[in-house]
Amino acid sequence: MSMHIRDPQISGPTQQLGNGLPSVAGGIGEATAAGSTNADAASINNGYAVVSGADGTKGVILPAGVKGNYVTVKNAGGSALKVYPPAGAAINGLTATTGAISLAANTVARFVFASATQIYTEPLLPS
């Protein structure tokens, strides 16, 4: 059985590793939290992002996506991380573009695009 993972940065299925397991679409990347609003947050450009530097005020912004895409964010920092949606999109029930989800220290969440403008979190995070 072949599994395929889609990513906002890649159209089509990913390649499998030599062991038969699927690879993370878009790769695993690292980012350092920055800024204090959606305008100056650090950009995420991978399917799985490990983020350091969270201090409760700094954040990252998700890439634009389409229905079925998802991005996984791991907050490797010791404080909460703000995760902003791309321009025009909303996460859970928050305000489009500027409504950030607060991701607790040392936790991970998947941001699933139900459409280009609506993103939901797995697990469901408080909005």
PDB file of N, CA and C in Angstrom:
ATOM      1  N   MET A   1       0.835  -1.161   0.000  1.00  0.00           N
ATOM      2  CA  MET A   1       0.000   0.000   0.000  1.00  0.00           C
ATOM      3  C   MET A   1       0.888   1.235   0.000  1.00  0.00           C
ATOM      4  N   SER A   2       0.584   2.181  -0.828  1.00  0.00           N
ATOM      5  CA  SER A   2       1.377   3.398  -0.937  1.00  0.00           C
ATOM      6  C   SER A   2       0.626   4.558  -0.312  1.00  0.00           C
ATOM      7  N   MET A   3       1.293   5.288   0.590  1.00  0.00           N
ATOM      8  CA  MET A   3       0.689   6.461   1.215  1.00  0.00           C
ATOM      9  C   MET A   3       1.255   7.703   0.555  1.00  0.00           C
ATOM     10  N   HIS A   4       0.428   8.721   0.424  1.00  0.00           N
ATOM     11  CA  HIS A   4       0.866   9.974  -0.155  1.00  0.00           C
ATOM     12  C   HIS A   4       0.454  11.127   0.745  1.00  0.00           C
ATOM     13  N   ILE A   5       1.347  12.074   0.925  1.00  0.00           N
ATOM     14  CA  ILE A   5       1.086  13.254   1.739  1.00  0.00           C
ATOM     15  C   ILE A   5       1.202  14.466   0.841  1.00  0.00           C
ATOM     16  N   ARG A   6       0.258  15.388   0.970  1.00  0.00           N
ATOM     17  CA  ARG A   6       0.304  16.609   0.165  1.00  0.00           C
ATOM     18  C   ARG A   6       0.772  17.775   1.011  1.00  0.00           C
ATOM     19  N   ASP A   7       1.357  18.741   0.359  1.00  0.00           N
ATOM     20  CA  ASP A   7       1.926  19.902   1.027  1.00  0.00           C
ATOM     21  C   ASP A   7       1.573  21.155   0.260  1.00  0.00           C
ATOM     22  N   PRO A   8       1.393  22.307   0.957  1.00  0.00           N
ATOM     23  CA  PRO A   8       1.068  23.546   0.254  1.00  0.00           C
ATOM     24  C   PRO A   8       2.106  23.956  -0.790  1.00  0.00           C
ATOM     25  N   GLN A   9       3.330  23.510  -0.636  1.00  0.00           N
ATOM     26  CA  GLN A   9       4.397  23.923  -1.535  1.00  0.00           C
ATOM     27  C   GLN A   9       4.623  22.945  -2.686  1.00  0.00           C
ATOM     28  N   ILE A  10       3.939  21.807  -2.647  1.00  0.00           N
ATOM     29  CA  ILE A  10       4.170  20.765  -3.645  1.00  0.00           C
ATOM     30  C   ILE A  10       2.836  20.339  -4.233  1.00  0.00           C
ATOM     31  N   SER A  11       2.761  20.210  -5.542  1.00  0.00           N
ATOM     32  CA  SER A  11       1.550  19.656  -6.138  1.00  0.00           C
ATOM     33  C   SER A  11       1.840  18.220  -6.517  1.00  0.00           C
ATOM     34  N   GLY A  12       1.023  17.320  -6.021  1.00  0.00           N
ATOM     35  CA  GLY A  12       1.227  15.912  -6.307  1.00  0.00           C
ATOM     36  C   GLY A  12       1.794  15.177  -5.118  1.00  0.00           C
ATOM     37  N   PRO A  13       1.879  13.861  -5.189  1.00  0.00           N
ATOM     38  CA  PRO A  13       2.343  13.054  -4.073  1.00  0.00           C
ATOM     39  C   PRO A  13       3.845  13.187  -3.853  1.00  0.00           C
ATOM     40  N   THR A  14       4.245  12.835  -2.649  1.00  0.00           N
ATOM     41  CA  THR A  14       5.660  12.878  -2.311  1.00  0.00           C
ATOM     42  C   THR A  14       6.334  11.581  -2.732  1.00  0.00           C
ATOM     43  N   GLN A  15       7.635  11.580  -2.700  1.00  0.00           N
ATOM     44  CA  GLN A  15       8.385  10.364  -2.989  1.00  0.00           C
ATOM     45  C   GLN A  15       8.533   9.562  -1.712  1.00  0.00           C
ATOM     46  N   GLN A  16       8.712   8.276  -1.868  1.00  0.00           N
ATOM     47  CA  GLN A  16       8.922   7.432  -0.715  1.00  0.00           C
ATOM     48  C   GLN A  16      10.407   7.267  -0.461  1.00  0.00           C
ATOM     49  N   LEU A  17      10.729   7.090   0.806  1.00  0.00           N
ATOM     50  CA  LEU A  17      12.106   6.797   1.187  1.00  0.00           C
ATOM     51  C   LEU A  17      12.407   5.342   0.840  1.00  0.00           C
ATOM     52  N   GLY A  18      13.651   4.966   0.866  1.00  0.00           N
ATOM     53  CA  GLY A  18      14.054   3.610   0.524  1.00  0.00           C
ATOM     54  C   GLY A  18      13.417   2.541   1.393  1.00  0.00           C
ATOM     55  N   ASN A  19      12.971   2.916   2.604  1.00  0.00           N
ATOM     56  CA  ASN A  19      12.367   1.922   3.492  1.00  0.00           C
ATOM     57  C   ASN A  19      10.871   1.741   3.237  1.00  0.00           C
ATOM     58  N   GLY A  20      10.315   2.411   2.217  1.00  0.00           N
ATOM     59  CA  GLY A  20       8.911   2.268   1.877  1.00  0.00           C
ATOM     60  C   GLY A  20       7.991   3.243   2.586  1.00  0.00           C
ATOM     61  N   LEU A  21       8.500   3.959   3.584  1.00  0.00           N
ATOM     62  CA  LEU A  21       7.677   4.943   4.284  1.00  0.00           C
ATOM     63  C   LEU A  21       7.637   6.240   3.486  1.00  0.00           C
ATOM     64  N   PRO A  22       6.505   6.960   3.537  1.00  0.00           N
ATOM     65  CA  PRO A  22       6.451   8.236   2.821  1.00  0.00           C
ATOM     66  C   PRO A  22       7.309   9.283   3.532  1.00  0.00           C
ATOM     67  N   SER A  23       7.858  10.195   2.777  1.00  0.00           N
ATOM     68  CA  SER A  23       8.627  11.280   3.372  1.00  0.00           C
ATOM     69  C   SER A  23       7.685  12.436   3.673  1.00  0.00           C
ATOM     70  N   VAL A  24       8.123  13.333   4.534  1.00  0.00           N
ATOM     71  CA  VAL A  24       7.325  14.508   4.861  1.00  0.00           C
ATOM     72  C   VAL A  24       7.303  15.423   3.644  1.00  0.00           C
ATOM     73  N   ALA A  25       6.110  15.712   3.156  1.00  0.00           N
ATOM     74  CA  ALA A  25       5.965  16.580   1.992  1.00  0.00           C
ATOM     75  C   ALA A  25       6.530  17.956   2.299  1.00  0.00           C
ATOM     76  N   GLY A  26       7.335  18.469   1.414  1.00  0.00           N
ATOM     77  CA  GLY A  26       7.922  19.789   1.623  1.00  0.00           C
ATOM     78  C   GLY A  26       9.122  19.769   2.547  1.00  0.00           C
ATOM     79  N   GLY A  27       9.423  18.619   3.124  1.00  0.00           N
ATOM     80  CA  GLY A  27      10.586  18.496   3.980  1.00  0.00           C
ATOM     81  C   GLY A  27      10.348  19.015   5.385  1.00  0.00           C
ATOM     82  N   ILE A  28      11.358  18.808   6.200  1.00  0.00           N
ATOM     83  CA  ILE A  28      11.341  19.294   7.577  1.00  0.00           C
ATOM     84  C   ILE A  28      12.234  20.514   7.629  1.00  0.00           C
ATOM     85  N   GLY A  29      11.707  21.597   8.138  1.00  0.00           N
ATOM     86  CA  GLY A  29      12.471  22.837   8.203  1.00  0.00           C
ATOM     87  C   GLY A  29      12.520  23.375   9.609  1.00  0.00           C
ATOM     88  N   GLU A  30      13.390  24.334   9.785  1.00  0.00           N
ATOM     89  CA  GLU A  30      13.516  25.012  11.067  1.00  0.00           C
ATOM     90  C   GLU A  30      13.226  26.485  10.871  1.00  0.00           C
ATOM     91  N   ALA A  31      12.624  27.087  11.874  1.00  0.00           N
ATOM     92  CA  ALA A  31      12.346  28.519  11.837  1.00  0.00           C
ATOM     93  C   ALA A  31      12.559  29.083  13.231  1.00  0.00           C
ATOM     94  N   THR A  32      12.846  30.359  13.291  1.00  0.00           N
ATOM     95  CA  THR A  32      12.957  31.054  14.563  1.00  0.00           C
ATOM     96  C   THR A  32      11.813  32.051  14.636  1.00  0.00           C
ATOM     97  N   ALA A  33      11.003  31.944  15.675  1.00  0.00           N
ATOM     98  CA  ALA A  33       9.868  32.847  15.854  1.00  0.00           C
ATOM     99  C   ALA A  33      10.358  34.289  15.814  1.00  0.00           C
ATOM    100  N   ALA A  34       9.522  35.163  15.244  1.00  0.00           N
ATOM    101  CA  ALA A  34       9.913  36.572  15.107  1.00  0.00           C
ATOM    102  C   ALA A  34       8.686  37.468  15.193  1.00  0.00           C
ATOM    103  N   GLY A  35       8.943  38.742  15.393  1.00  0.00           N
ATOM    104  CA  GLY A  35       7.904  39.752  15.348  1.00  0.00           C
ATOM    105  C   GLY A  35       6.869  39.637  16.440  1.00  0.00           C
ATOM    106  N   SER A  36       5.812  40.438  16.287  1.00  0.00           N
ATOM    107  CA  SER A  36       4.721  40.420  17.256  1.00  0.00           C
ATOM    108  C   SER A  36       3.353  40.533  16.577  1.00  0.00           C
ATOM    109  N   THR A  37       3.340  40.523  15.225  1.00  0.00           N
ATOM    110  CA  THR A  37       2.095  40.562  14.459  1.00  0.00           C
ATOM    111  C   THR A  37       2.251  39.672  13.231  1.00  0.00           C
ATOM    112  N   ASN A  38       1.170  39.531  12.473  1.00  0.00           N
ATOM    113  CA  ASN A  38       1.250  38.749  11.245  1.00  0.00           C
ATOM    114  C   ASN A  38       2.173  39.409  10.220  1.00  0.00           C
ATOM    115  N   ALA A  39       2.358  40.712  10.324  1.00  0.00           N
ATOM    116  CA  ALA A  39       3.183  41.449   9.356  1.00  0.00           C
ATOM    117  C   ALA A  39       4.674  41.171   9.504  1.00  0.00           C
ATOM    118  N   ASP A  40       5.109  40.794  10.707  1.00  0.00           N
ATOM    119  CA  ASP A  40       6.553  40.580  10.898  1.00  0.00           C
ATOM    120  C   ASP A  40       6.893  39.208  11.488  1.00  0.00           C
ATOM    121  N   ALA A  41       5.938  38.297  11.446  1.00  0.00           N
ATOM    122  CA  ALA A  41       6.195  36.937  11.915  1.00  0.00           C
ATOM    123  C   ALA A  41       7.094  36.206  10.915  1.00  0.00           C
ATOM    124  N   ALA A  42       7.812  35.194  11.388  1.00  0.00           N
ATOM    125  CA  ALA A  42       8.684  34.394  10.522  1.00  0.00           C
ATOM    126  C   ALA A  42       7.845  33.508   9.607  1.00  0.00           C
ATOM    127  N   SER A  43       8.259  33.360   8.367  1.00  0.00           N
ATOM    128  CA  SER A  43       7.539  32.525   7.395  1.00  0.00           C
ATOM    129  C   SER A  43       7.912  31.060   7.542  1.00  0.00           C
ATOM    130  N   ILE A  44       6.913  30.203   7.388  1.00  0.00           N
ATOM    131  CA  ILE A  44       7.129  28.755   7.342  1.00  0.00           C
ATOM    132  C   ILE A  44       7.056  28.338   5.884  1.00  0.00           C
ATOM    133  N   ASN A  45       8.035  27.557   5.440  1.00  0.00           N
ATOM    134  CA  ASN A  45       8.089  27.145   4.037  1.00  0.00           C
ATOM    135  C   ASN A  45       8.222  25.646   3.854  1.00  0.00           C
ATOM    136  N   ASN A  46       7.935  24.873   4.913  1.00  0.00           N
ATOM    137  CA  ASN A  46       8.068  23.424   4.853  1.00  0.00           C
ATOM    138  C   ASN A  46       6.780  22.751   5.297  1.00  0.00           C
ATOM    139  N   GLY A  47       6.653  21.479   5.017  1.00  0.00           N
ATOM    140  CA  GLY A  47       5.493  20.714   5.450  1.00  0.00           C
ATOM    141  C   GLY A  47       5.504  20.439   6.939  1.00  0.00           C
ATOM    142  N   TYR A  48       6.703  20.430   7.534  1.00  0.00           N
ATOM    143  CA  TYR A  48       6.862  20.234   8.981  1.00  0.00           C
ATOM    144  C   TYR A  48       7.890  21.240   9.443  1.00  0.00           C
ATOM    145  N   ALA A  49       7.489  22.123  10.360  1.00  0.00           N
ATOM    146  CA  ALA A  49       8.393  23.175  10.828  1.00  0.00           C
ATOM    147  C   ALA A  49       8.647  23.038  12.321  1.00  0.00           C
ATOM    148  N   VAL A  50       9.929  22.990  12.684  1.00  0.00           N
ATOM    149  CA  VAL A  50      10.340  22.992  14.081  1.00  0.00           C
ATOM    150  C   VAL A  50      10.736  24.432  14.398  1.00  0.00           C
ATOM    151  N   VAL A  51       9.993  25.050  15.322  1.00  0.00           N
ATOM    152  CA  VAL A  51      10.165  26.477  15.594  1.00  0.00           C
ATOM    153  C   VAL A  51      10.777  26.692  16.970  1.00  0.00           C
ATOM    154  N   SER A  52      11.842  27.478  17.001  1.00  0.00           N
ATOM    155  CA  SER A  52      12.486  27.852  18.258  1.00  0.00           C
ATOM    156  C   SER A  52      12.261  29.342  18.507  1.00  0.00           C
ATOM    157  N   GLY A  53      12.625  29.799  19.690  1.00  0.00           N
ATOM    158  CA  GLY A  53      12.601  31.229  19.988  1.00  0.00           C
ATOM    159  C   GLY A  53      11.269  31.790  20.433  1.00  0.00           C
ATOM    160  N   ALA A  54      10.272  30.955  20.655  1.00  0.00           N
ATOM    161  CA  ALA A  54       8.972  31.456  21.102  1.00  0.00           C
ATOM    162  C   ALA A  54       9.092  32.038  22.505  1.00  0.00           C
ATOM    163  N   ASP A  55       8.474  33.207  22.690  1.00  0.00           N
ATOM    164  CA  ASP A  55       8.526  33.843  24.007  1.00  0.00           C
ATOM    165  C   ASP A  55       7.157  34.354  24.460  1.00  0.00           C
ATOM    166  N   GLY A  56       6.098  33.870  23.823  1.00  0.00           N
ATOM    167  CA  GLY A  56       4.756  34.301  24.162  1.00  0.00           C
ATOM    168  C   GLY A  56       4.250  35.451  23.304  1.00  0.00           C
ATOM    169  N   THR A  57       5.176  36.152  22.633  1.00  0.00           N
ATOM    170  CA  THR A  57       4.779  37.271  21.769  1.00  0.00           C
ATOM    171  C   THR A  57       5.198  37.055  20.320  1.00  0.00           C
ATOM    172  N   LYS A  58       6.240  36.274  20.087  1.00  0.00           N
ATOM    173  CA  LYS A  58       6.748  36.052  18.732  1.00  0.00           C
ATOM    174  C   LYS A  58       5.949  34.968  18.025  1.00  0.00           C
ATOM    175  N   GLY A  59       6.023  34.972  16.668  1.00  0.00           N
ATOM    176  CA  GLY A  59       5.247  33.992  15.944  1.00  0.00           C
ATOM    177  C   GLY A  59       5.780  33.617  14.588  1.00  0.00           C
ATOM    178  N   VAL A  60       4.981  32.783  13.905  1.00  0.00           N
ATOM    179  CA  VAL A  60       5.253  32.333  12.542  1.00  0.00           C
ATOM    180  C   VAL A  60       3.969  32.481  11.739  1.00  0.00           C
ATOM    181  N   ILE A  61       4.116  32.550  10.419  1.00  0.00           N
ATOM    182  CA  ILE A  61       2.954  32.644   9.543  1.00  0.00           C
ATOM    183  C   ILE A  61       2.954  31.456   8.585  1.00  0.00           C
ATOM    184  N   LEU A  62       1.788  30.852   8.445  1.00  0.00           N
ATOM    185  CA  LEU A  62       1.644  29.689   7.574  1.00  0.00           C
ATOM    186  C   LEU A  62       1.698  30.102   6.105  1.00  0.00           C
ATOM    187  N   PRO A  63       2.145  29.210   5.243  1.00  0.00           N
ATOM    188  CA  PRO A  63       2.111  29.499   3.802  1.00  0.00           C
ATOM    189  C   PRO A  63       0.675  29.402   3.299  1.00  0.00           C
ATOM    190  N   ALA A  64       0.395  29.995   2.155  1.00  0.00           N
ATOM    191  CA  ALA A  64      -0.928  29.869   1.538  1.00  0.00           C
ATOM    192  C   ALA A  64      -1.137  28.417   1.140  1.00  0.00           C
ATOM    193  N   GLY A  65      -2.372  27.959   1.218  1.00  0.00           N
ATOM    194  CA  GLY A  65      -2.672  26.584   0.866  1.00  0.00           C
ATOM    195  C   GLY A  65      -4.018  26.466   0.176  1.00  0.00           C
ATOM    196  N   VAL A  66      -4.355  25.261  -0.222  1.00  0.00           N
ATOM    197  CA  VAL A  66      -5.643  24.959  -0.832  1.00  0.00           C
ATOM    198  C   VAL A  66      -6.267  23.791  -0.076  1.00  0.00           C
ATOM    199  N   LYS A  67      -7.526  23.517  -0.349  1.00  0.00           N
ATOM    200  CA  LYS A  67      -8.247  22.443   0.313  1.00  0.00           C
ATOM    201  C   LYS A  67      -7.444  21.146   0.276  1.00  0.00           C
ATOM    202  N   GLY A  68      -7.277  20.545   1.453  1.00  0.00           N
ATOM    203  CA  GLY A  68      -6.555  19.287   1.561  1.00  0.00           C
ATOM    204  C   GLY A  68      -5.101  19.413   1.976  1.00  0.00           C
ATOM    205  N   ASN A  69      -4.524  20.617   1.887  1.00  0.00           N
ATOM    206  CA  ASN A  69      -3.146  20.813   2.326  1.00  0.00           C
ATOM    207  C   ASN A  69      -3.077  20.850   3.844  1.00  0.00           C
ATOM    208  N   TYR A  70      -1.916  20.559   4.396  1.00  0.00           N
ATOM    209  CA  TYR A  70      -1.699  20.777   5.820  1.00  0.00           C
ATOM    210  C   TYR A  70      -0.234  21.056   6.091  1.00  0.00           C
ATOM    211  N   VAL A  71      -0.018  21.743   7.200  1.00  0.00           N
ATOM    212  CA  VAL A  71       1.324  22.073   7.664  1.00  0.00           C
ATOM    213  C   VAL A  71       1.376  21.691   9.139  1.00  0.00           C
ATOM    214  N   THR A  72       2.436  21.030   9.557  1.00  0.00           N
ATOM    215  CA  THR A  72       2.612  20.663  10.952  1.00  0.00           C
ATOM    216  C   THR A  72       3.643  21.595  11.571  1.00  0.00           C
ATOM    217  N   VAL A  73       3.309  22.127  12.749  1.00  0.00           N
ATOM    218  CA  VAL A  73       4.197  23.065  13.444  1.00  0.00           C
ATOM    219  C   VAL A  73       4.524  22.495  14.815  1.00  0.00           C
ATOM    220  N   LYS A  74       5.808  22.387  15.113  1.00  0.00           N
ATOM    221  CA  LYS A  74       6.305  21.947  16.421  1.00  0.00           C
ATOM    222  C   LYS A  74       6.905  23.153  17.121  1.00  0.00           C
ATOM    223  N   ASN A  75       6.322  23.539  18.247  1.00  0.00           N
ATOM    224  CA  ASN A  75       6.880  24.627  19.047  1.00  0.00           C
ATOM    225  C   ASN A  75       7.934  24.025  19.957  1.00  0.00           C
ATOM    226  N   ALA A  76       9.199  24.231  19.613  1.00  0.00           N
ATOM    227  CA  ALA A  76      10.307  23.696  20.403  1.00  0.00           C
ATOM    228  C   ALA A  76      10.770  24.699  21.456  1.00  0.00           C
ATOM    229  N   GLY A  77      10.058  25.818  21.582  1.00  0.00           N
ATOM    230  CA  GLY A  77      10.426  26.852  22.538  1.00  0.00           C
ATOM    231  C   GLY A  77       9.830  26.601  23.912  1.00  0.00           C
ATOM    232  N   GLY A  78      10.298  27.370  24.868  1.00  0.00           N
ATOM    233  CA  GLY A  78       9.860  27.233  26.251  1.00  0.00           C
ATOM    234  C   GLY A  78       8.647  28.060  26.600  1.00  0.00           C
ATOM    235  N   SER A  79       8.120  28.816  25.641  1.00  0.00           N
ATOM    236  CA  SER A  79       6.924  29.640  25.851  1.00  0.00           C
ATOM    237  C   SER A  79       5.973  29.449  24.676  1.00  0.00           C
ATOM    238  N   ALA A  80       4.799  30.039  24.790  1.00  0.00           N
ATOM    239  CA  ALA A  80       3.795  29.931  23.731  1.00  0.00           C
ATOM    240  C   ALA A  80       4.284  30.560  22.429  1.00  0.00           C
ATOM    241  N   LEU A  81       3.829  29.997  21.321  1.00  0.00           N
ATOM    242  CA  LEU A  81       4.163  30.468  19.978  1.00  0.00           C
ATOM    243  C   LEU A  81       2.884  30.912  19.290  1.00  0.00           C
ATOM    244  N   LYS A  82       2.896  32.097  18.692  1.00  0.00           N
ATOM    245  CA  LYS A  82       1.754  32.548  17.904  1.00  0.00           C
ATOM    246  C   LYS A  82       1.896  32.003  16.488  1.00  0.00           C
ATOM    247  N   VAL A  83       0.817  31.397  15.980  1.00  0.00           N
ATOM    248  CA  VAL A  83       0.796  30.879  14.609  1.00  0.00           C
ATOM    249  C   VAL A  83      -0.298  31.633  13.856  1.00  0.00           C
ATOM    250  N   TYR A  84       0.123  32.392  12.836  1.00  0.00           N
ATOM    251  CA  TYR A  84      -0.791  33.217  12.054  1.00  0.00           C
ATOM    252  C   TYR A  84      -1.175  32.520  10.755  1.00  0.00           C
ATOM    253  N   PRO A  85      -2.408  32.766  10.288  1.00  0.00           N
ATOM    254  CA  PRO A  85      -2.806  32.233   8.991  1.00  0.00           C
ATOM    255  C   PRO A  85      -2.225  33.089   7.869  1.00  0.00           C
ATOM    256  N   PRO A  86      -2.194  32.565   6.649  1.00  0.00           N
ATOM    257  CA  PRO A  86      -1.779  33.401   5.520  1.00  0.00           C
ATOM    258  C   PRO A  86      -2.841  34.480   5.274  1.00  0.00           C
ATOM    259  N   ALA A  87      -2.491  35.498   4.522  1.00  0.00           N
ATOM    260  CA  ALA A  87      -3.409  36.603   4.234  1.00  0.00           C
ATOM    261  C   ALA A  87      -4.735  36.098   3.680  1.00  0.00           C
ATOM    262  N   GLY A  88      -5.831  36.569   4.256  1.00  0.00           N
ATOM    263  CA  GLY A  88      -7.164  36.213   3.781  1.00  0.00           C
ATOM    264  C   GLY A  88      -7.740  34.943   4.376  1.00  0.00           C
ATOM    265  N   ALA A  89      -6.954  34.201   5.142  1.00  0.00           N
ATOM    266  CA  ALA A  89      -7.420  32.948   5.736  1.00  0.00           C
ATOM    267  C   ALA A  89      -7.620  33.116   7.238  1.00  0.00           C
ATOM    268  N   ALA A  90      -8.386  32.200   7.825  1.00  0.00           N
ATOM    269  CA  ALA A  90      -8.638  32.204   9.264  1.00  0.00           C
ATOM    270  C   ALA A  90      -8.354  30.818   9.832  1.00  0.00           C
ATOM    271  N   ILE A  91      -7.852  30.790  11.065  1.00  0.00           N
ATOM    272  CA  ILE A  91      -7.614  29.537  11.778  1.00  0.00           C
ATOM    273  C   ILE A  91      -8.746  29.356  12.786  1.00  0.00           C
ATOM    274  N   ASN A  92      -9.394  28.193  12.739  1.00  0.00           N
ATOM    275  CA  ASN A  92     -10.553  27.898  13.586  1.00  0.00           C
ATOM    276  C   ASN A  92     -11.542  29.057  13.465  1.00  0.00           C
ATOM    277  N   GLY A  93     -11.949  29.684  14.529  1.00  0.00           N
ATOM    278  CA  GLY A  93     -12.933  30.758  14.453  1.00  0.00           C
ATOM    279  C   GLY A  93     -12.342  32.144  14.606  1.00  0.00           C
ATOM    280  N   LEU A  94     -11.051  32.276  14.431  1.00  0.00           N
ATOM    281  CA  LEU A  94     -10.389  33.558  14.661  1.00  0.00           C
ATOM    282  C   LEU A  94     -10.493  34.495  13.463  1.00  0.00           C
ATOM    283  N   THR A  95     -10.100  35.735  13.675  1.00  0.00           N
ATOM    284  CA  THR A  95     -10.127  36.762  12.641  1.00  0.00           C
ATOM    285  C   THR A  95      -9.199  36.397  11.484  1.00  0.00           C
ATOM    286  N   ALA A  96      -9.684  36.587  10.264  1.00  0.00           N
ATOM    287  CA  ALA A  96      -8.869  36.317   9.074  1.00  0.00           C
ATOM    288  C   ALA A  96      -7.619  37.178   9.091  1.00  0.00           C
ATOM    289  N   THR A  97      -6.532  36.643   8.645  1.00  0.00           N
ATOM    290  CA  THR A  97      -5.220  37.265   8.468  1.00  0.00           C
ATOM    291  C   THR A  97      -4.498  37.561   9.783  1.00  0.00           C
ATOM    292  N   THR A  98      -5.145  38.175  10.757  1.00  0.00           N
ATOM    293  CA  THR A  98      -4.444  38.606  11.974  1.00  0.00           C
ATOM    294  C   THR A  98      -4.704  37.739  13.196  1.00  0.00           C
ATOM    295  N   GLY A  99      -5.659  36.811  13.129  1.00  0.00           N
ATOM    296  CA  GLY A  99      -6.007  35.989  14.289  1.00  0.00           C
ATOM    297  C   GLY A  99      -5.058  34.837  14.475  1.00  0.00           C
ATOM    298  N   ALA A 100      -4.198  34.932  15.473  1.00  0.00           N
ATOM    299  CA  ALA A 100      -3.191  33.894  15.724  1.00  0.00           C
ATOM    300  C   ALA A 100      -3.676  32.882  16.744  1.00  0.00           C
ATOM    301  N   ILE A 101      -3.306  31.635  16.524  1.00  0.00           N
ATOM    302  CA  ILE A 101      -3.494  30.563  17.507  1.00  0.00           C
ATOM    303  C   ILE A 101      -2.256  30.572  18.401  1.00  0.00           C
ATOM    304  N   SER A 102      -2.453  30.351  19.680  1.00  0.00           N
ATOM    305  CA  SER A 102      -1.331  30.257  20.606  1.00  0.00           C
ATOM    306  C   SER A 102      -1.017  28.780  20.810  1.00  0.00           C
ATOM    307  N   LEU A 103       0.160  28.370  20.363  1.00  0.00           N
ATOM    308  CA  LEU A 103       0.604  26.984  20.476  1.00  0.00           C
ATOM    309  C   LEU A 103       1.498  26.871  21.704  1.00  0.00           C
ATOM    310  N   ALA A 104       1.081  26.067  22.666  1.00  0.00           N
ATOM    311  CA  ALA A 104       1.807  25.939  23.931  1.00  0.00           C
ATOM    312  C   ALA A 104       3.236  25.452  23.719  1.00  0.00           C
ATOM    313  N   ALA A 105       4.085  25.734  24.693  1.00  0.00           N
ATOM    314  CA  ALA A 105       5.489  25.327  24.647  1.00  0.00           C
ATOM    315  C   ALA A 105       5.600  23.813  24.493  1.00  0.00           C
ATOM    316  N   ASN A 106       6.549  23.400  23.670  1.00  0.00           N
ATOM    317  CA  ASN A 106       6.882  21.990  23.481  1.00  0.00           C
ATOM    318  C   ASN A 106       5.693  21.131  23.053  1.00  0.00           C
ATOM    319  N   THR A 107       4.844  21.683  22.196  1.00  0.00           N
ATOM    320  CA  THR A 107       3.715  20.930  21.644  1.00  0.00           C
ATOM    321  C   THR A 107       3.759  20.994  20.123  1.00  0.00           C
ATOM    322  N   VAL A 108       2.907  20.202  19.495  1.00  0.00           N
ATOM    323  CA  VAL A 108       2.836  20.159  18.039  1.00  0.00           C
ATOM    324  C   VAL A 108       1.373  20.193  17.618  1.00  0.00           C
ATOM    325  N   ALA A 109       1.093  20.827  16.485  1.00  0.00           N
ATOM    326  CA  ALA A 109      -0.269  20.852  15.934  1.00  0.00           C
ATOM    327  C   ALA A 109      -0.193  20.806  14.416  1.00  0.00           C
ATOM    328  N   ARG A 110      -1.222  20.240  13.827  1.00  0.00           N
ATOM    329  CA  ARG A 110      -1.345  20.202  12.369  1.00  0.00           C
ATOM    330  C   ARG A 110      -2.391  21.245  11.982  1.00  0.00           C
ATOM    331  N   PHE A 111      -2.072  22.027  10.959  1.00  0.00           N
ATOM    332  CA  PHE A 111      -2.968  23.066  10.449  1.00  0.00           C
ATOM    333  C   PHE A 111      -3.488  22.593   9.100  1.00  0.00           C
ATOM    334  N   VAL A 112      -4.774  22.222   9.069  1.00  0.00           N
ATOM    335  CA  VAL A 112      -5.390  21.595   7.905  1.00  0.00           C
ATOM    336  C   VAL A 112      -6.244  22.622   7.161  1.00  0.00           C
ATOM    337  N   PHE A 113      -5.996  22.742   5.854  1.00  0.00           N
ATOM    338  CA  PHE A 113      -6.753  23.672   5.018  1.00  0.00           C
ATOM    339  C   PHE A 113      -8.048  22.998   4.552  1.00  0.00           C
ATOM    340  N   ALA A 114      -9.204  23.450   5.102  1.00  0.00           N
ATOM    341  CA  ALA A 114     -10.501  22.989   4.626  1.00  0.00           C
ATOM    342  C   ALA A 114     -10.814  23.682   3.308  1.00  0.00           C
ATOM    343  N   SER A 115     -10.207  24.837   3.120  1.00  0.00           N
ATOM    344  CA  SER A 115     -10.273  25.613   1.876  1.00  0.00           C
ATOM    345  C   SER A 115      -9.082  26.570   1.919  1.00  0.00           C
ATOM    346  N   ALA A 116      -8.942  27.391   0.904  1.00  0.00           N
ATOM    347  CA  ALA A 116      -7.838  28.354   0.891  1.00  0.00           C
ATOM    348  C   ALA A 116      -7.994  29.418   1.973  1.00  0.00           C
ATOM    349  N   THR A 117      -9.221  29.569   2.502  1.00  0.00           N
ATOM    350  CA  THR A 117      -9.471  30.622   3.480  1.00  0.00           C
ATOM    351  C   THR A 117      -9.864  30.118   4.860  1.00  0.00           C
ATOM    352  N   GLN A 118     -10.020  28.805   5.045  1.00  0.00           N
ATOM    353  CA  GLN A 118     -10.386  28.260   6.355  1.00  0.00           C
ATOM    354  C   GLN A 118      -9.440  27.132   6.738  1.00  0.00           C
ATOM    355  N   ILE A 119      -8.795  27.315   7.889  1.00  0.00           N
ATOM    356  CA  ILE A 119      -7.823  26.355   8.408  1.00  0.00           C
ATOM    357  C   ILE A 119      -8.315  25.872   9.769  1.00  0.00           C
ATOM    358  N   TYR A 120      -8.190  24.564  10.011  1.00  0.00           N
ATOM    359  CA  TYR A 120      -8.536  23.994  11.306  1.00  0.00           C
ATOM    360  C   TYR A 120      -7.306  23.331  11.897  1.00  0.00           C
ATOM    361  N   THR A 121      -7.263  23.261  13.237  1.00  0.00           N
ATOM    362  CA  THR A 121      -6.131  22.645  13.903  1.00  0.00           C
ATOM    363  C   THR A 121      -6.473  21.239  14.361  1.00  0.00           C
ATOM    364  N   GLU A 122      -5.478  20.387  14.339  1.00  0.00           N
ATOM    365  CA  GLU A 122      -5.540  19.044  14.911  1.00  0.00           C
ATOM    366  C   GLU A 122      -4.382  18.925  15.878  1.00  0.00           C
ATOM    367  N   PRO A 123      -4.583  18.724  17.159  1.00  0.00           N
ATOM    368  CA  PRO A 123      -5.883  18.711  17.808  1.00  0.00           C
ATOM    369  C   PRO A 123      -6.504  20.099  17.805  1.00  0.00           C
ATOM    370  N   LEU A 124      -7.804  20.156  18.100  1.00  0.00           N
ATOM    371  CA  LEU A 124      -8.488  21.449  18.149  1.00  0.00           C
ATOM    372  C   LEU A 124      -7.883  22.282  19.270  1.00  0.00           C
ATOM    373  N   LEU A 125      -7.382  23.456  18.913  1.00  0.00           N
ATOM    374  CA  LEU A 125      -6.805  24.360  19.901  1.00  0.00           C
ATOM    375  C   LEU A 125      -7.809  25.456  20.216  1.00  0.00           C
ATOM    376  N   PRO A 126      -7.806  25.958  21.442  1.00  0.00           N
ATOM    377  CA  PRO A 126      -8.741  27.034  21.789  1.00  0.00           C
ATOM    378  C   PRO A 126      -8.543  28.250  20.900  1.00  0.00           C
ATOM    379  N   SER A 127      -9.651  28.816  20.446  1.00  0.00           N
ATOM    380  CA  SER A 127      -9.593  29.997  19.590  1.00  0.00           C
ATOM    381  C   SER A 127      -9.893  31.249  20.388  1.00  0.00           C
TER     382      SER A 127
END
